[in-house]
N, C-alpha and C. Protein backbone atom coordinates (compact mmCIF):
# COMPACT_ATOMS: atom_id res chain seq x y z
N UNK A 1 -25.48 -17.59 -5.01
CA UNK A 1 -25.56 -19.02 -5.25
C UNK A 1 -26.69 -19.56 -4.37
N UNK A 2 -27.55 -20.35 -4.96
CA UNK A 2 -28.67 -20.91 -4.22
C UNK A 2 -28.59 -22.43 -4.03
N UNK A 3 -27.99 -23.11 -5.02
CA UNK A 3 -27.98 -24.57 -4.99
C UNK A 3 -26.59 -25.13 -5.22
N UNK A 4 -26.33 -26.28 -4.64
CA UNK A 4 -25.05 -26.96 -4.75
C UNK A 4 -24.86 -27.52 -6.16
N UNK A 5 -23.73 -27.23 -6.77
CA UNK A 5 -23.44 -27.77 -8.10
C UNK A 5 -23.03 -29.23 -8.04
N UNK A 6 -22.81 -29.74 -6.85
CA UNK A 6 -22.43 -31.15 -6.68
C UNK A 6 -23.66 -32.05 -6.56
N UNK A 7 -24.64 -31.63 -5.72
CA UNK A 7 -25.80 -32.50 -5.49
C UNK A 7 -27.15 -31.83 -5.75
N UNK A 8 -27.17 -30.51 -5.98
CA UNK A 8 -28.40 -29.81 -6.31
C UNK A 8 -29.22 -29.33 -5.14
N UNK A 9 -28.80 -29.58 -3.93
CA UNK A 9 -29.54 -29.15 -2.74
C UNK A 9 -29.19 -27.71 -2.38
N UNK A 10 -30.01 -27.08 -1.53
CA UNK A 10 -29.76 -25.68 -1.15
C UNK A 10 -28.42 -25.49 -0.42
N UNK A 11 -27.86 -24.30 -0.60
CA UNK A 11 -26.64 -23.93 0.11
C UNK A 11 -26.95 -22.76 1.03
N UNK A 12 -26.15 -22.61 2.06
CA UNK A 12 -26.25 -21.46 2.95
C UNK A 12 -24.86 -20.87 3.10
N UNK A 13 -24.81 -19.62 3.47
CA UNK A 13 -23.52 -18.98 3.70
C UNK A 13 -23.15 -19.14 5.17
N UNK A 14 -21.93 -19.62 5.39
CA UNK A 14 -21.40 -19.72 6.74
C UNK A 14 -19.89 -19.86 6.65
N UNK A 15 -19.25 -19.70 7.78
CA UNK A 15 -17.79 -19.88 7.84
C UNK A 15 -17.53 -21.34 8.20
N UNK A 16 -16.96 -22.10 7.25
CA UNK A 16 -16.68 -23.51 7.53
C UNK A 16 -15.60 -23.66 8.62
N UNK A 17 -15.63 -24.78 9.30
CA UNK A 17 -14.65 -25.05 10.34
C UNK A 17 -13.25 -24.99 9.73
N UNK A 18 -12.34 -24.29 10.40
CA UNK A 18 -10.97 -24.15 9.93
C UNK A 18 -10.77 -23.06 8.89
N UNK A 19 -11.84 -22.33 8.56
CA UNK A 19 -11.77 -21.27 7.58
C UNK A 19 -12.00 -19.94 8.30
N UNK A 20 -11.81 -18.84 7.60
CA UNK A 20 -12.03 -17.53 8.20
C UNK A 20 -12.95 -16.66 7.37
N UNK A 21 -13.46 -17.20 6.28
CA UNK A 21 -14.31 -16.42 5.38
C UNK A 21 -15.67 -17.07 5.20
N UNK A 22 -16.63 -16.21 4.92
CA UNK A 22 -17.97 -16.67 4.62
C UNK A 22 -17.96 -17.40 3.28
N UNK A 23 -18.51 -18.60 3.22
CA UNK A 23 -18.54 -19.41 2.00
C UNK A 23 -19.95 -19.97 1.82
N UNK A 24 -20.26 -20.37 0.59
CA UNK A 24 -21.49 -21.13 0.35
C UNK A 24 -21.18 -22.59 0.65
N UNK A 25 -22.00 -23.20 1.52
CA UNK A 25 -21.80 -24.58 1.93
C UNK A 25 -23.12 -25.33 1.72
N UNK A 26 -23.02 -26.51 1.12
CA UNK A 26 -24.21 -27.32 0.89
C UNK A 26 -24.71 -27.87 2.23
N UNK A 27 -26.00 -27.70 2.46
CA UNK A 27 -26.61 -28.18 3.70
C UNK A 27 -26.68 -29.71 3.76
N UNK A 28 -26.62 -30.35 2.58
CA UNK A 28 -26.74 -31.80 2.56
C UNK A 28 -25.40 -32.52 2.46
N UNK A 29 -24.62 -32.22 1.41
CA UNK A 29 -23.36 -32.95 1.20
C UNK A 29 -22.15 -32.26 1.81
N UNK A 30 -22.36 -31.06 2.34
CA UNK A 30 -21.31 -30.28 3.01
C UNK A 30 -20.19 -29.78 2.08
N UNK A 31 -20.43 -29.82 0.76
CA UNK A 31 -19.45 -29.29 -0.18
C UNK A 31 -19.30 -27.79 0.04
N UNK A 32 -18.07 -27.34 0.12
CA UNK A 32 -17.78 -25.91 0.27
C UNK A 32 -17.54 -25.37 -1.14
N UNK A 33 -18.25 -24.32 -1.50
CA UNK A 33 -18.13 -23.71 -2.83
C UNK A 33 -17.32 -22.43 -2.70
N UNK A 34 -16.08 -22.48 -3.19
CA UNK A 34 -15.18 -21.33 -3.13
C UNK A 34 -15.44 -20.46 -4.35
N UNK A 35 -15.46 -19.17 -4.14
CA UNK A 35 -15.60 -18.22 -5.23
C UNK A 35 -14.35 -17.37 -5.26
N UNK A 36 -13.72 -17.31 -6.41
CA UNK A 36 -12.46 -16.61 -6.55
C UNK A 36 -12.56 -15.51 -7.58
N UNK A 37 -11.63 -14.54 -7.55
CA UNK A 37 -11.68 -13.44 -8.51
C UNK A 37 -11.55 -13.92 -9.96
N UNK A 38 -12.14 -13.14 -10.85
CA UNK A 38 -12.00 -13.38 -12.29
C UNK A 38 -10.79 -12.62 -12.80
N UNK A 39 -10.12 -13.19 -13.78
CA UNK A 39 -8.96 -12.55 -14.39
C UNK A 39 -9.37 -12.00 -15.75
N UNK A 40 -9.08 -10.73 -15.97
CA UNK A 40 -9.29 -10.08 -17.26
C UNK A 40 -7.91 -9.92 -17.88
N UNK A 41 -7.73 -10.40 -19.10
CA UNK A 41 -6.44 -10.32 -19.79
C UNK A 41 -6.60 -9.54 -21.08
N UNK A 42 -5.59 -8.71 -21.37
CA UNK A 42 -5.66 -7.92 -22.59
C UNK A 42 -4.30 -7.40 -23.00
N UNK A 43 -4.32 -6.61 -24.06
CA UNK A 43 -3.08 -6.07 -24.65
C UNK A 43 -3.16 -4.57 -24.83
N UNK A 44 -1.98 -3.97 -24.87
CA UNK A 44 -1.79 -2.60 -25.34
C UNK A 44 -1.12 -2.79 -26.70
N UNK A 45 -1.91 -2.99 -27.76
CA UNK A 45 -1.33 -3.26 -29.08
C UNK A 45 -0.86 -1.97 -29.74
N UNK A 46 0.38 -1.98 -30.18
CA UNK A 46 0.94 -0.76 -30.78
C UNK A 46 1.38 -1.00 -32.22
N UNK A 47 1.36 0.08 -32.97
CA UNK A 47 1.92 0.12 -34.31
C UNK A 47 2.66 1.45 -34.39
N UNK A 48 3.98 1.39 -34.32
CA UNK A 48 4.76 2.63 -34.25
C UNK A 48 4.42 3.36 -32.97
N UNK A 49 3.96 4.61 -33.09
CA UNK A 49 3.63 5.42 -31.92
C UNK A 49 2.14 5.36 -31.57
N UNK A 50 1.38 4.56 -32.29
CA UNK A 50 -0.06 4.49 -32.09
C UNK A 50 -0.47 3.26 -31.27
N UNK A 51 -1.61 3.40 -30.58
CA UNK A 51 -2.19 2.32 -29.78
C UNK A 51 -3.55 1.97 -30.36
N UNK A 52 -3.85 0.68 -30.44
CA UNK A 52 -5.12 0.21 -30.98
C UNK A 52 -6.17 0.12 -29.87
N UNK A 53 -7.30 0.79 -30.08
CA UNK A 53 -8.42 0.74 -29.14
C UNK A 53 -9.66 0.23 -29.85
N UNK A 54 -10.58 -0.33 -29.07
CA UNK A 54 -11.84 -0.85 -29.57
C UNK A 54 -12.99 -0.09 -28.92
N UNK A 55 -14.00 0.24 -29.71
CA UNK A 55 -15.23 0.84 -29.16
C UNK A 55 -16.19 -0.32 -28.88
N UNK A 56 -16.62 -0.43 -27.62
CA UNK A 56 -17.41 -1.58 -27.18
C UNK A 56 -18.80 -1.65 -27.83
N UNK A 57 -19.15 -2.85 -28.29
CA UNK A 57 -20.47 -3.10 -28.88
C UNK A 57 -21.39 -3.80 -27.88
N UNK A 58 -20.89 -4.01 -26.66
CA UNK A 58 -21.65 -4.73 -25.64
C UNK A 58 -21.57 -4.00 -24.31
N UNK A 59 -22.52 -4.31 -23.44
CA UNK A 59 -22.45 -3.82 -22.07
C UNK A 59 -21.48 -4.70 -21.30
N UNK A 60 -20.86 -4.24 -20.25
CA UNK A 60 -21.01 -2.89 -19.73
C UNK A 60 -20.22 -1.88 -20.56
N UNK A 61 -20.66 -0.66 -20.48
CA UNK A 61 -19.97 0.49 -21.10
C UNK A 61 -20.04 0.45 -22.63
N UNK A 62 -21.20 0.07 -23.15
CA UNK A 62 -21.46 0.08 -24.58
C UNK A 62 -21.11 1.45 -25.17
N UNK A 63 -20.37 1.45 -26.26
CA UNK A 63 -20.01 2.68 -26.95
C UNK A 63 -18.76 3.36 -26.45
N UNK A 64 -18.19 2.88 -25.37
CA UNK A 64 -16.96 3.45 -24.83
C UNK A 64 -15.75 2.70 -25.38
N UNK A 65 -14.60 3.36 -25.33
CA UNK A 65 -13.36 2.81 -25.86
C UNK A 65 -12.62 1.99 -24.81
N UNK A 66 -11.94 0.96 -25.26
CA UNK A 66 -11.17 0.10 -24.37
C UNK A 66 -9.99 -0.52 -25.12
N UNK A 67 -9.07 -1.02 -24.35
CA UNK A 67 -8.04 -1.89 -24.93
C UNK A 67 -8.70 -3.25 -25.16
N UNK A 68 -8.24 -4.02 -26.14
CA UNK A 68 -8.83 -5.34 -26.32
C UNK A 68 -8.50 -6.23 -25.12
N UNK A 69 -9.54 -6.71 -24.45
CA UNK A 69 -9.35 -7.50 -23.24
C UNK A 69 -10.65 -8.22 -22.90
N UNK A 70 -10.53 -9.26 -22.09
CA UNK A 70 -11.72 -9.98 -21.64
C UNK A 70 -11.34 -11.06 -20.65
N UNK A 71 -12.33 -11.80 -20.22
CA UNK A 71 -12.12 -12.81 -19.20
C UNK A 71 -11.30 -13.98 -19.71
N UNK A 72 -10.35 -14.38 -18.89
CA UNK A 72 -9.52 -15.55 -19.15
C UNK A 72 -10.41 -16.79 -19.08
N UNK A 73 -10.16 -17.76 -19.94
CA UNK A 73 -10.91 -19.02 -19.97
C UNK A 73 -10.10 -20.11 -19.28
N UNK A 74 -10.78 -21.11 -18.78
CA UNK A 74 -10.09 -22.28 -18.24
C UNK A 74 -9.26 -22.92 -19.35
N UNK A 75 -8.11 -23.45 -18.98
CA UNK A 75 -7.29 -24.18 -19.93
C UNK A 75 -6.38 -23.32 -20.79
N UNK A 76 -6.29 -22.02 -20.51
CA UNK A 76 -5.38 -21.18 -21.28
C UNK A 76 -4.50 -20.39 -20.33
N UNK A 77 -3.33 -19.99 -20.83
CA UNK A 77 -2.45 -19.14 -20.04
C UNK A 77 -2.96 -17.71 -20.15
N UNK A 78 -2.47 -16.87 -19.27
CA UNK A 78 -2.92 -15.48 -19.31
C UNK A 78 -2.46 -14.80 -20.61
N UNK A 79 -1.28 -15.18 -21.11
CA UNK A 79 -0.82 -14.63 -22.39
C UNK A 79 -1.71 -15.11 -23.53
N UNK A 80 -2.08 -16.39 -23.52
CA UNK A 80 -2.99 -16.90 -24.55
C UNK A 80 -4.33 -16.17 -24.50
N UNK A 81 -4.81 -15.88 -23.29
CA UNK A 81 -6.08 -15.15 -23.14
C UNK A 81 -5.97 -13.76 -23.76
N UNK A 82 -4.86 -13.07 -23.51
CA UNK A 82 -4.67 -11.72 -24.06
C UNK A 82 -4.62 -11.76 -25.59
N UNK A 83 -3.93 -12.75 -26.13
CA UNK A 83 -3.84 -12.89 -27.60
C UNK A 83 -5.22 -13.20 -28.17
N UNK A 84 -5.95 -14.12 -27.54
CA UNK A 84 -7.28 -14.51 -28.01
C UNK A 84 -8.23 -13.32 -27.97
N UNK A 85 -8.24 -12.59 -26.85
CA UNK A 85 -9.14 -11.45 -26.73
C UNK A 85 -8.83 -10.37 -27.77
N UNK A 86 -7.56 -10.16 -28.06
CA UNK A 86 -7.18 -9.18 -29.09
C UNK A 86 -7.68 -9.63 -30.46
N UNK A 87 -7.57 -10.92 -30.72
CA UNK A 87 -8.07 -11.46 -32.00
C UNK A 87 -9.59 -11.36 -32.06
N UNK A 88 -10.28 -11.67 -30.96
CA UNK A 88 -11.75 -11.64 -30.96
C UNK A 88 -12.31 -10.23 -31.09
N UNK A 89 -11.73 -9.29 -30.36
CA UNK A 89 -12.30 -7.95 -30.32
C UNK A 89 -11.80 -7.04 -31.43
N UNK A 90 -10.57 -7.27 -31.88
CA UNK A 90 -9.99 -6.37 -32.89
C UNK A 90 -9.56 -7.09 -34.16
N UNK A 91 -9.82 -8.40 -34.23
CA UNK A 91 -9.40 -9.20 -35.39
C UNK A 91 -7.93 -8.95 -35.71
N UNK A 92 -7.14 -8.74 -34.65
CA UNK A 92 -5.73 -8.37 -34.82
C UNK A 92 -4.82 -9.45 -34.27
N UNK A 93 -3.67 -9.58 -34.92
CA UNK A 93 -2.63 -10.50 -34.45
C UNK A 93 -1.54 -9.67 -33.78
N UNK A 94 -1.08 -10.14 -32.62
CA UNK A 94 -0.03 -9.43 -31.89
C UNK A 94 1.17 -10.34 -31.67
N UNK A 95 2.31 -9.70 -31.42
CA UNK A 95 3.55 -10.44 -31.17
C UNK A 95 4.37 -9.68 -30.13
N UNK A 96 5.45 -10.32 -29.68
CA UNK A 96 6.37 -9.73 -28.71
C UNK A 96 5.65 -9.22 -27.46
N UNK A 97 4.82 -10.07 -26.89
CA UNK A 97 4.09 -9.70 -25.69
C UNK A 97 5.02 -9.64 -24.49
N UNK A 98 4.77 -8.64 -23.66
CA UNK A 98 5.53 -8.45 -22.43
C UNK A 98 4.55 -8.00 -21.35
N UNK A 99 4.51 -8.73 -20.24
CA UNK A 99 3.56 -8.38 -19.18
C UNK A 99 3.84 -6.95 -18.72
N UNK A 100 2.78 -6.21 -18.47
CA UNK A 100 2.95 -4.79 -18.20
C UNK A 100 2.24 -4.32 -16.93
N UNK A 101 0.92 -4.43 -16.88
CA UNK A 101 0.21 -3.99 -15.68
C UNK A 101 -0.61 -5.13 -15.09
N UNK A 102 -0.59 -5.18 -13.76
CA UNK A 102 -1.45 -6.09 -12.99
C UNK A 102 -2.22 -5.19 -12.05
N UNK A 103 -3.53 -5.09 -12.27
CA UNK A 103 -4.33 -4.15 -11.50
C UNK A 103 -5.42 -4.91 -10.77
N UNK A 104 -5.34 -4.89 -9.44
CA UNK A 104 -6.35 -5.51 -8.60
C UNK A 104 -7.58 -4.60 -8.55
N UNK A 105 -8.74 -5.20 -8.72
CA UNK A 105 -10.01 -4.48 -8.61
C UNK A 105 -10.87 -5.27 -7.61
N UNK A 106 -10.48 -5.21 -6.31
CA UNK A 106 -11.11 -6.09 -5.32
C UNK A 106 -12.60 -5.87 -5.09
N UNK A 107 -13.08 -4.65 -5.31
CA UNK A 107 -14.50 -4.39 -5.06
C UNK A 107 -15.42 -5.08 -6.07
N UNK A 108 -14.88 -5.56 -7.19
CA UNK A 108 -15.66 -6.36 -8.14
C UNK A 108 -15.02 -7.74 -8.35
N UNK A 109 -14.09 -8.10 -7.47
CA UNK A 109 -13.44 -9.42 -7.48
C UNK A 109 -12.82 -9.75 -8.84
N UNK A 110 -12.01 -8.81 -9.34
CA UNK A 110 -11.32 -9.02 -10.61
C UNK A 110 -9.86 -8.61 -10.48
N UNK A 111 -9.04 -9.18 -11.34
CA UNK A 111 -7.65 -8.78 -11.54
C UNK A 111 -7.49 -8.55 -13.03
N UNK A 112 -7.03 -7.36 -13.43
CA UNK A 112 -6.84 -7.03 -14.84
C UNK A 112 -5.35 -7.06 -15.14
N UNK A 113 -4.98 -7.81 -16.17
CA UNK A 113 -3.58 -7.97 -16.56
C UNK A 113 -3.45 -7.56 -18.03
N UNK A 114 -2.57 -6.59 -18.28
CA UNK A 114 -2.34 -6.13 -19.65
C UNK A 114 -0.90 -6.39 -20.05
N UNK A 115 -0.73 -6.79 -21.30
CA UNK A 115 0.58 -7.01 -21.91
C UNK A 115 0.84 -5.90 -22.91
N UNK A 116 2.08 -5.43 -22.97
CA UNK A 116 2.49 -4.59 -24.10
C UNK A 116 2.66 -5.55 -25.27
N UNK A 117 2.26 -5.13 -26.45
CA UNK A 117 2.36 -6.00 -27.62
C UNK A 117 2.47 -5.16 -28.89
N UNK A 118 3.06 -5.75 -29.90
CA UNK A 118 3.14 -5.10 -31.22
C UNK A 118 2.13 -5.76 -32.14
N UNK A 119 1.47 -4.95 -32.95
CA UNK A 119 0.62 -5.52 -33.98
C UNK A 119 1.51 -6.22 -35.00
N UNK A 120 1.13 -7.39 -35.42
CA UNK A 120 1.91 -8.14 -36.41
C UNK A 120 1.79 -7.49 -37.79
N UNK A 121 0.66 -6.83 -38.05
CA UNK A 121 0.40 -6.17 -39.32
C UNK A 121 -0.76 -5.20 -39.11
N UNK A 122 -1.18 -4.56 -40.16
CA UNK A 122 -2.28 -3.60 -40.05
C UNK A 122 -3.62 -4.23 -40.43
N UNK A 123 -3.70 -5.53 -40.36
CA UNK A 123 -4.96 -6.23 -40.62
C UNK A 123 -5.75 -6.31 -39.32
N UNK A 124 -6.63 -5.37 -39.10
CA UNK A 124 -7.49 -5.37 -37.92
C UNK A 124 -8.87 -4.88 -38.34
N UNK A 125 -9.87 -5.25 -37.55
CA UNK A 125 -11.25 -4.86 -37.83
C UNK A 125 -12.07 -5.07 -36.57
N UNK A 126 -13.27 -4.54 -36.57
CA UNK A 126 -14.15 -4.72 -35.42
C UNK A 126 -14.64 -6.16 -35.37
N UNK A 127 -14.41 -6.80 -34.22
CA UNK A 127 -14.96 -8.13 -33.98
C UNK A 127 -16.40 -8.00 -33.50
N UNK A 128 -17.04 -9.12 -33.14
CA UNK A 128 -18.44 -9.09 -32.72
C UNK A 128 -18.72 -8.25 -31.47
N UNK A 129 -17.71 -8.03 -30.63
CA UNK A 129 -17.91 -7.25 -29.40
C UNK A 129 -17.47 -5.81 -29.55
N UNK A 130 -17.10 -5.40 -30.77
CA UNK A 130 -16.61 -4.04 -31.01
C UNK A 130 -17.42 -3.36 -32.11
N UNK A 131 -17.70 -2.07 -31.90
CA UNK A 131 -18.36 -1.27 -32.92
C UNK A 131 -17.37 -0.79 -33.98
N UNK A 132 -16.18 -0.45 -33.50
CA UNK A 132 -15.09 -0.02 -34.38
C UNK A 132 -13.77 -0.21 -33.67
N UNK A 133 -12.71 -0.23 -34.46
CA UNK A 133 -11.35 -0.39 -33.94
C UNK A 133 -10.50 0.66 -34.63
N UNK A 134 -9.65 1.35 -33.86
CA UNK A 134 -8.89 2.45 -34.44
C UNK A 134 -7.55 2.60 -33.74
N UNK A 135 -6.54 3.00 -34.52
CA UNK A 135 -5.23 3.35 -33.97
C UNK A 135 -5.25 4.81 -33.54
N UNK A 136 -4.71 5.10 -32.35
CA UNK A 136 -4.70 6.45 -31.81
C UNK A 136 -3.28 6.87 -31.43
N UNK A 137 -2.92 8.08 -31.78
CA UNK A 137 -1.75 8.72 -31.20
C UNK A 137 -2.11 9.13 -29.77
N UNK A 138 -1.13 9.32 -28.92
CA UNK A 138 -1.40 9.70 -27.53
C UNK A 138 -2.30 10.93 -27.44
N UNK A 139 -2.04 11.93 -28.23
CA UNK A 139 -2.81 13.18 -28.16
C UNK A 139 -4.27 13.00 -28.57
N UNK A 140 -4.58 11.91 -29.27
CA UNK A 140 -5.93 11.69 -29.77
C UNK A 140 -6.74 10.66 -28.98
N UNK A 141 -6.14 10.11 -27.92
CA UNK A 141 -6.86 9.13 -27.10
C UNK A 141 -8.13 9.78 -26.54
N UNK A 142 -9.28 9.13 -26.68
CA UNK A 142 -10.53 9.70 -26.14
C UNK A 142 -10.63 9.44 -24.63
N UNK A 143 -9.82 10.15 -23.85
CA UNK A 143 -9.69 9.90 -22.41
C UNK A 143 -11.03 9.93 -21.69
N UNK A 144 -11.92 10.84 -22.05
CA UNK A 144 -13.21 10.94 -21.38
C UNK A 144 -14.20 9.87 -21.81
N UNK A 145 -13.82 9.08 -22.81
CA UNK A 145 -14.70 8.04 -23.33
C UNK A 145 -14.13 6.64 -23.11
N UNK A 146 -13.18 6.49 -22.18
CA UNK A 146 -12.63 5.17 -21.89
C UNK A 146 -13.60 4.40 -21.00
N UNK A 147 -13.74 3.12 -21.30
CA UNK A 147 -14.75 2.29 -20.63
C UNK A 147 -14.41 1.97 -19.18
N UNK A 148 -13.13 1.75 -18.88
CA UNK A 148 -12.77 1.25 -17.56
C UNK A 148 -11.56 1.99 -17.00
N UNK A 149 -11.53 2.17 -15.69
CA UNK A 149 -10.41 2.87 -15.06
C UNK A 149 -9.10 2.11 -15.23
N UNK A 150 -9.15 0.77 -15.28
CA UNK A 150 -7.92 0.00 -15.47
C UNK A 150 -7.31 0.28 -16.85
N UNK A 151 -8.14 0.51 -17.83
CA UNK A 151 -7.66 0.84 -19.18
C UNK A 151 -7.02 2.22 -19.16
N UNK A 152 -7.69 3.19 -18.55
CA UNK A 152 -7.13 4.54 -18.46
C UNK A 152 -5.81 4.54 -17.72
N UNK A 153 -5.74 3.81 -16.62
CA UNK A 153 -4.50 3.76 -15.83
C UNK A 153 -3.38 3.09 -16.62
N UNK A 154 -3.69 2.00 -17.31
CA UNK A 154 -2.68 1.32 -18.12
C UNK A 154 -2.16 2.24 -19.22
N UNK A 155 -3.04 2.97 -19.87
CA UNK A 155 -2.61 3.89 -20.93
C UNK A 155 -1.80 5.05 -20.35
N UNK A 156 -2.19 5.59 -19.20
CA UNK A 156 -1.40 6.65 -18.56
C UNK A 156 0.02 6.16 -18.30
N UNK A 157 0.14 4.98 -17.73
CA UNK A 157 1.46 4.41 -17.43
C UNK A 157 2.25 4.19 -18.72
N UNK A 158 1.58 3.64 -19.72
CA UNK A 158 2.25 3.32 -20.98
C UNK A 158 2.86 4.57 -21.61
N UNK A 159 2.08 5.64 -21.71
CA UNK A 159 2.60 6.85 -22.36
C UNK A 159 3.69 7.51 -21.51
N UNK A 160 3.57 7.47 -20.19
CA UNK A 160 4.62 8.01 -19.32
C UNK A 160 5.90 7.18 -19.47
N UNK A 161 5.77 5.86 -19.47
CA UNK A 161 6.94 4.99 -19.59
C UNK A 161 7.57 5.08 -20.98
N UNK A 162 6.75 5.32 -21.98
CA UNK A 162 7.28 5.42 -23.34
C UNK A 162 8.25 6.59 -23.47
N UNK A 163 7.99 7.66 -22.73
CA UNK A 163 8.88 8.82 -22.79
C UNK A 163 10.28 8.47 -22.29
N UNK A 164 10.36 7.61 -21.28
CA UNK A 164 11.67 7.21 -20.74
C UNK A 164 12.20 5.92 -21.37
N UNK A 165 11.33 5.26 -22.16
CA UNK A 165 11.66 3.98 -22.79
C UNK A 165 12.01 2.90 -21.78
N UNK A 166 11.43 3.01 -20.58
CA UNK A 166 11.58 2.00 -19.53
C UNK A 166 10.17 1.56 -19.15
N UNK A 167 9.91 0.26 -19.27
CA UNK A 167 8.58 -0.27 -19.02
C UNK A 167 8.61 -1.28 -17.87
N UNK A 168 8.55 -0.80 -16.63
CA UNK A 168 8.53 -1.75 -15.51
C UNK A 168 7.19 -2.48 -15.47
N UNK A 169 7.19 -3.66 -14.87
CA UNK A 169 5.91 -4.32 -14.60
C UNK A 169 5.28 -3.56 -13.44
N UNK A 170 4.06 -3.13 -13.63
CA UNK A 170 3.38 -2.31 -12.62
C UNK A 170 2.27 -3.13 -11.97
N UNK A 171 2.21 -3.04 -10.66
CA UNK A 171 1.17 -3.72 -9.89
C UNK A 171 0.49 -2.69 -9.01
N UNK A 172 -0.82 -2.52 -9.22
CA UNK A 172 -1.57 -1.50 -8.49
C UNK A 172 -2.93 -2.05 -8.10
N UNK A 173 -3.65 -1.26 -7.33
CA UNK A 173 -5.01 -1.59 -6.93
C UNK A 173 -5.88 -0.38 -7.20
N UNK A 174 -7.08 -0.63 -7.68
CA UNK A 174 -8.03 0.46 -7.92
C UNK A 174 -9.17 0.33 -6.92
N UNK A 175 -9.37 1.37 -6.10
CA UNK A 175 -10.45 1.31 -5.11
C UNK A 175 -11.80 1.59 -5.78
N UNK A 176 -12.88 1.30 -5.08
CA UNK A 176 -14.20 1.63 -5.64
C UNK A 176 -14.36 3.14 -5.73
N UNK A 177 -15.19 3.56 -6.67
CA UNK A 177 -15.52 4.98 -6.74
C UNK A 177 -16.34 5.34 -5.52
N UNK A 178 -16.03 6.47 -4.93
CA UNK A 178 -16.76 6.93 -3.76
C UNK A 178 -17.98 7.68 -4.24
N UNK A 179 -19.13 7.26 -3.79
CA UNK A 179 -20.37 7.92 -4.15
C UNK A 179 -20.59 9.09 -3.19
N UNK A 180 -20.97 10.27 -3.70
CA UNK A 180 -21.22 11.39 -2.79
C UNK A 180 -22.44 11.10 -1.91
N UNK A 181 -22.36 11.57 -0.69
CA UNK A 181 -23.46 11.39 0.25
C UNK A 181 -24.66 12.23 -0.18
N UNK A 182 -25.83 11.63 -0.07
CA UNK A 182 -27.07 12.35 -0.41
C UNK A 182 -27.57 12.99 0.87
N UNK A 183 -27.76 14.30 0.81
CA UNK A 183 -28.24 15.01 2.01
C UNK A 183 -29.59 15.61 1.79
């Protein structure tokens, strides 16, 4: 951030009085600009024993498979965001949503929330952000072609929980990938 959204003057990073974190503060009007994590909301849409996945038509991870999900918008609930993202990416309608995974991704300032959901019907298609949309049995999931670790983790949990037919709400954190040291 370079300029204040309140008055347009330059901002600098500093710890405001009474705070403990580095923030962008306007040098002129003293407005403190808080930056908070983004919420990604999505679904694990099922039809019988199959799960609906989308092949991404956009970066990041163009061409990789994902659950339908995306950034929550202002003015909507997290469930509404998951339903909207499923409609946008897979042109699919879902019902019987149940919160399932909450995965903190602190190194990129995101929280990913997935709902278990049933497809309302078999009317689905690739939306503008998807190259294709397909139902997969567990054995056919393209594990090596999944776009995001949160998607892989959610699917791992889903298939494990499906065997016991118990679906607890899961809350986890995903650390950054460790880069090997260059010697």
